Amino acid sequence: MAGNMIVVGMADLKACKSPGVLTTLGLGSCIGIAIYDKIAKVAGLAHIMLPDSKAIHNNTNKAKFADTAIVELIREMEKLGAKKINMKAKIAGGAQMFAFNATNENLRVGDRNAEATKKALQSCGIPLLASETGANFGRTVELYAETGKFLIKAIGQGIREL
C-alpha cells in the first residue's frame, strides 16, 4: 500500500485524499483521532493533547483539544470532498504513561482525553467504529486514505489494525 506519508505533529491535524497515508508518532496520553470517508477516499488525522478548550481563552490551536480538533478536522476533510454523513472514526492513545495515583483526576489525562474524544465525536454525529486507548505504552498510528486501514504500532506490542 504505497502512498505519500504525511506526518501529523503533536497538537496538529491534517487531511488527505487517496493514496495519501497520515501518521502521527509518540501518542502517550495524547489521542490520535482517525476519521475516514470510504466513498470519497478522504482521511483525516488529529493528534490531540488535551480534552477540552473551554478553560483556554483565545485558543489559537484548535488541533490541541478534542472538542475543537474534531470540528476542524471535519471541515478540512469536507474541503477535499468528504461528506460528514459518510465519516467514521477510530481512535488510539490515551495511555497512563506514569505511575502516579490514578485516582487524581488531573493526572488521568489519557483517560480524560479518550472520554472527551468519544463525547466530541458523538456530538458531531461521527460513529466511533473502534478504539484502543489506555494501558501504559506509547503508540504510533498510520491511516490509509485508500482503504481507511488504521494501523497501531507500539514497542513490545507489535502492529495491530483497527
Protein backbone atom coordinates (compact mmCIF):
# COMPACT_ATOMS: atom_id res chain seq x y z
CA MET A 1 0.00 0.00 0.00
CA ALA A 2 2.26 2.75 -1.19
CA GLY A 3 1.27 6.32 -0.78
CA ASN A 4 2.57 9.66 0.28
CA MET A 5 3.35 9.63 4.03
CA ILE A 6 2.11 12.80 5.70
CA VAL A 7 3.30 13.41 9.26
CA VAL A 8 0.86 14.91 11.73
CA GLY A 9 2.70 16.57 14.61
CA MET A 10 1.63 16.94 18.22
CA ALA A 11 -1.35 19.32 18.57
CA ASP A 12 -1.76 19.13 14.80
CA LEU A 13 -4.24 17.80 12.26
CA LYS A 14 -4.19 17.05 8.56
CA ALA A 15 -6.47 15.60 5.88
CA CYS A 16 -5.62 13.96 2.58
CA LYS A 17 -7.07 12.10 -0.39
CA SER A 18 -6.06 8.66 -1.61
CA PRO A 19 -3.30 7.48 -1.98
CA GLY A 20 -2.06 9.53 0.98
CA VAL A 21 -1.10 8.00 4.31
CA LEU A 22 -1.33 10.02 7.52
CA THR A 23 0.87 9.16 10.51
CA THR A 24 1.47 10.53 13.97
CA LEU A 25 4.23 9.46 16.32
CA GLY A 26 4.51 9.19 20.06
CA LEU A 27 0.93 9.07 21.29
CA GLY A 28 1.25 8.78 25.06
CA SER A 29 -1.64 10.38 26.91
CA CYS A 30 -2.49 12.11 23.62
CA ILE A 31 -5.16 10.68 21.30
CA GLY A 32 -4.86 10.01 17.59
CA ILE A 33 -8.28 10.63 16.05
CA ALA A 34 -8.66 8.98 12.63
CA ILE A 35 -11.69 9.92 10.54
CA TYR A 36 -12.37 8.36 7.16
CA ASP A 37 -14.89 8.75 4.32
CA LYS A 38 -14.72 5.50 2.32
CA ILE A 39 -16.76 6.86 -0.58
CA ALA A 40 -14.64 9.97 -1.17
CA LYS A 41 -11.45 8.15 -0.02
CA VAL A 42 -10.57 11.08 2.20
CA ALA A 43 -8.84 10.59 5.53
CA GLY A 44 -8.14 12.93 8.42
CA LEU A 45 -5.92 12.52 11.47
CA ALA A 46 -5.64 14.71 14.57
CA HIS A 47 -3.11 14.38 17.41
CA ILE A 48 -4.84 16.00 20.38
CA MET A 49 -3.11 16.73 23.68
CA LEU A 50 -5.94 17.84 25.98
CA PRO A 51 -9.64 17.10 26.36
CA ASP A 52 -11.29 20.50 26.45
CA SER A 53 -10.60 24.01 25.16
CA LYS A 54 -13.25 25.74 27.28
CA ALA A 55 -10.82 26.82 30.01
CA ILE A 56 -8.49 28.42 27.46
CA HIS A 57 -9.24 31.96 26.33
CA ASN A 58 -8.30 32.93 22.77
CA ASN A 59 -7.38 29.37 21.78
CA THR A 60 -5.43 29.70 18.55
CA ASN A 61 -4.56 26.00 18.16
CA LYS A 62 -7.79 24.09 17.50
CA ALA A 63 -5.84 20.84 16.97
CA LYS A 64 -4.66 20.77 20.59
CA PHE A 65 -8.07 19.92 22.11
CA ALA A 66 -10.53 17.09 21.41
CA ASP A 67 -13.59 19.35 21.24
CA THR A 68 -12.17 21.79 18.69
CA ALA A 69 -9.91 19.41 16.71
CA ILE A 70 -12.74 17.14 15.58
CA VAL A 71 -14.81 20.05 14.27
CA GLU A 72 -11.78 21.45 12.43
CA LEU A 73 -10.80 18.03 11.04
CA ILE A 74 -14.31 17.51 9.63
CA ARG A 75 -14.05 20.95 7.99
CA GLU A 76 -10.67 20.11 6.41
CA MET A 77 -11.97 16.77 5.11
CA GLU A 78 -15.05 18.40 3.60
CA LYS A 79 -12.75 20.77 1.67
CA LEU A 80 -11.32 17.64 -0.01
CA GLY A 81 -14.75 16.28 -0.95
CA ALA A 82 -15.67 14.17 2.09
CA LYS A 83 -19.23 14.20 3.38
CA LYS A 84 -19.93 14.16 7.09
CA ILE A 85 -22.69 11.58 6.66
CA ASN A 86 -20.10 9.08 5.32
CA MET A 87 -17.45 9.69 8.01
CA LYS A 88 -16.44 7.04 10.53
CA ALA A 89 -13.83 7.29 13.29
CA LYS A 90 -11.23 5.17 15.06
CA ILE A 91 -9.04 6.33 17.95
CA ALA A 92 -5.84 5.26 19.70
CA GLY A 93 -3.68 6.55 22.54
CA GLY A 94 -4.78 7.89 25.90
CA ALA A 95 -2.17 5.95 27.88
CA GLN A 96 -1.36 6.46 31.55
CA MET A 97 2.35 6.95 30.95
CA PHE A 98 3.48 7.48 34.54
CA ALA A 99 2.74 5.51 37.70
CA PHE A 100 1.03 8.29 39.62
CA ASN A 101 -2.00 7.96 41.81
CA ALA A 102 -4.61 7.19 39.14
CA THR A 103 -7.42 8.47 41.37
CA ASN A 104 -6.20 12.06 40.99
CA GLU A 105 -8.38 13.42 38.16
CA ASN A 106 -5.71 15.89 36.96
CA LEU A 107 -3.20 13.08 36.40
CA ARG A 108 -5.64 10.93 34.39
CA VAL A 109 -5.02 12.95 31.21
CA GLY A 110 -5.13 9.90 28.91
CA ASP A 111 -8.50 8.72 30.25
CA ARG A 112 -9.90 12.25 30.12
CA ASN A 113 -8.67 12.66 26.53
CA ALA A 114 -10.34 9.39 25.49
CA GLU A 115 -13.64 10.29 27.17
CA ALA A 116 -13.65 13.80 25.67
CA THR A 117 -12.84 12.45 22.20
CA LYS A 118 -15.71 9.96 22.32
CA LYS A 119 -18.09 12.67 23.52
CA ALA A 120 -16.96 15.12 20.80
CA LEU A 121 -17.32 12.51 18.05
CA GLN A 122 -20.82 11.69 19.29
CA SER A 123 -21.84 15.36 19.39
CA CYS A 124 -20.60 15.75 15.79
CA GLY A 125 -22.54 12.66 14.69
CA ILE A 126 -19.43 10.67 13.71
CA PRO A 127 -19.70 6.96 14.66
CA LEU A 128 -16.71 5.52 16.54
CA LEU A 129 -16.02 2.10 14.97
CA ALA A 130 -13.00 1.07 17.07
CA SER A 131 -10.66 2.29 19.77
CA GLU A 132 -7.50 1.22 21.51
CA THR A 133 -6.90 3.51 24.46
CA GLY A 134 -5.39 3.27 27.92
CA ALA A 135 -2.64 0.93 29.11
CA ASN A 136 0.83 2.33 29.85
CA PHE A 137 2.64 2.40 26.50
CA GLY A 138 3.01 4.87 23.66
CA ARG A 139 1.70 4.31 20.17
CA THR A 140 2.38 5.39 16.60
CA VAL A 141 -0.51 5.24 14.13
CA GLU A 142 -0.99 5.24 10.36
CA LEU A 143 -4.24 5.96 8.48
CA TYR A 144 -4.51 4.95 4.82
CA ALA A 145 -6.80 7.19 2.72
CA GLU A 146 -7.28 4.48 0.08
CA THR A 147 -8.89 1.93 2.43
CA GLY A 148 -9.37 3.53 5.85
CA LYS A 149 -6.96 0.99 7.34
CA PHE A 150 -5.75 2.22 10.75
CA LEU A 151 -2.50 0.65 11.98
CA ILE A 152 -1.27 0.95 15.55
CA LYS A 153 2.38 0.27 16.33
CA ALA A 154 3.84 0.05 19.83
CA ILE A 155 7.22 -1.15 21.06
CA GLY A 156 6.82 -4.60 22.53
CA GLN A 157 3.17 -4.76 21.41
CA GLY A 158 3.54 -5.48 17.69
CA ILE A 159 1.35 -3.98 14.95
CA ARG A 160 -2.43 -4.10 15.11
CA GLU A 161 -5.11 -2.98 12.71
CA LEU A 162 -8.32 -1.38 13.92
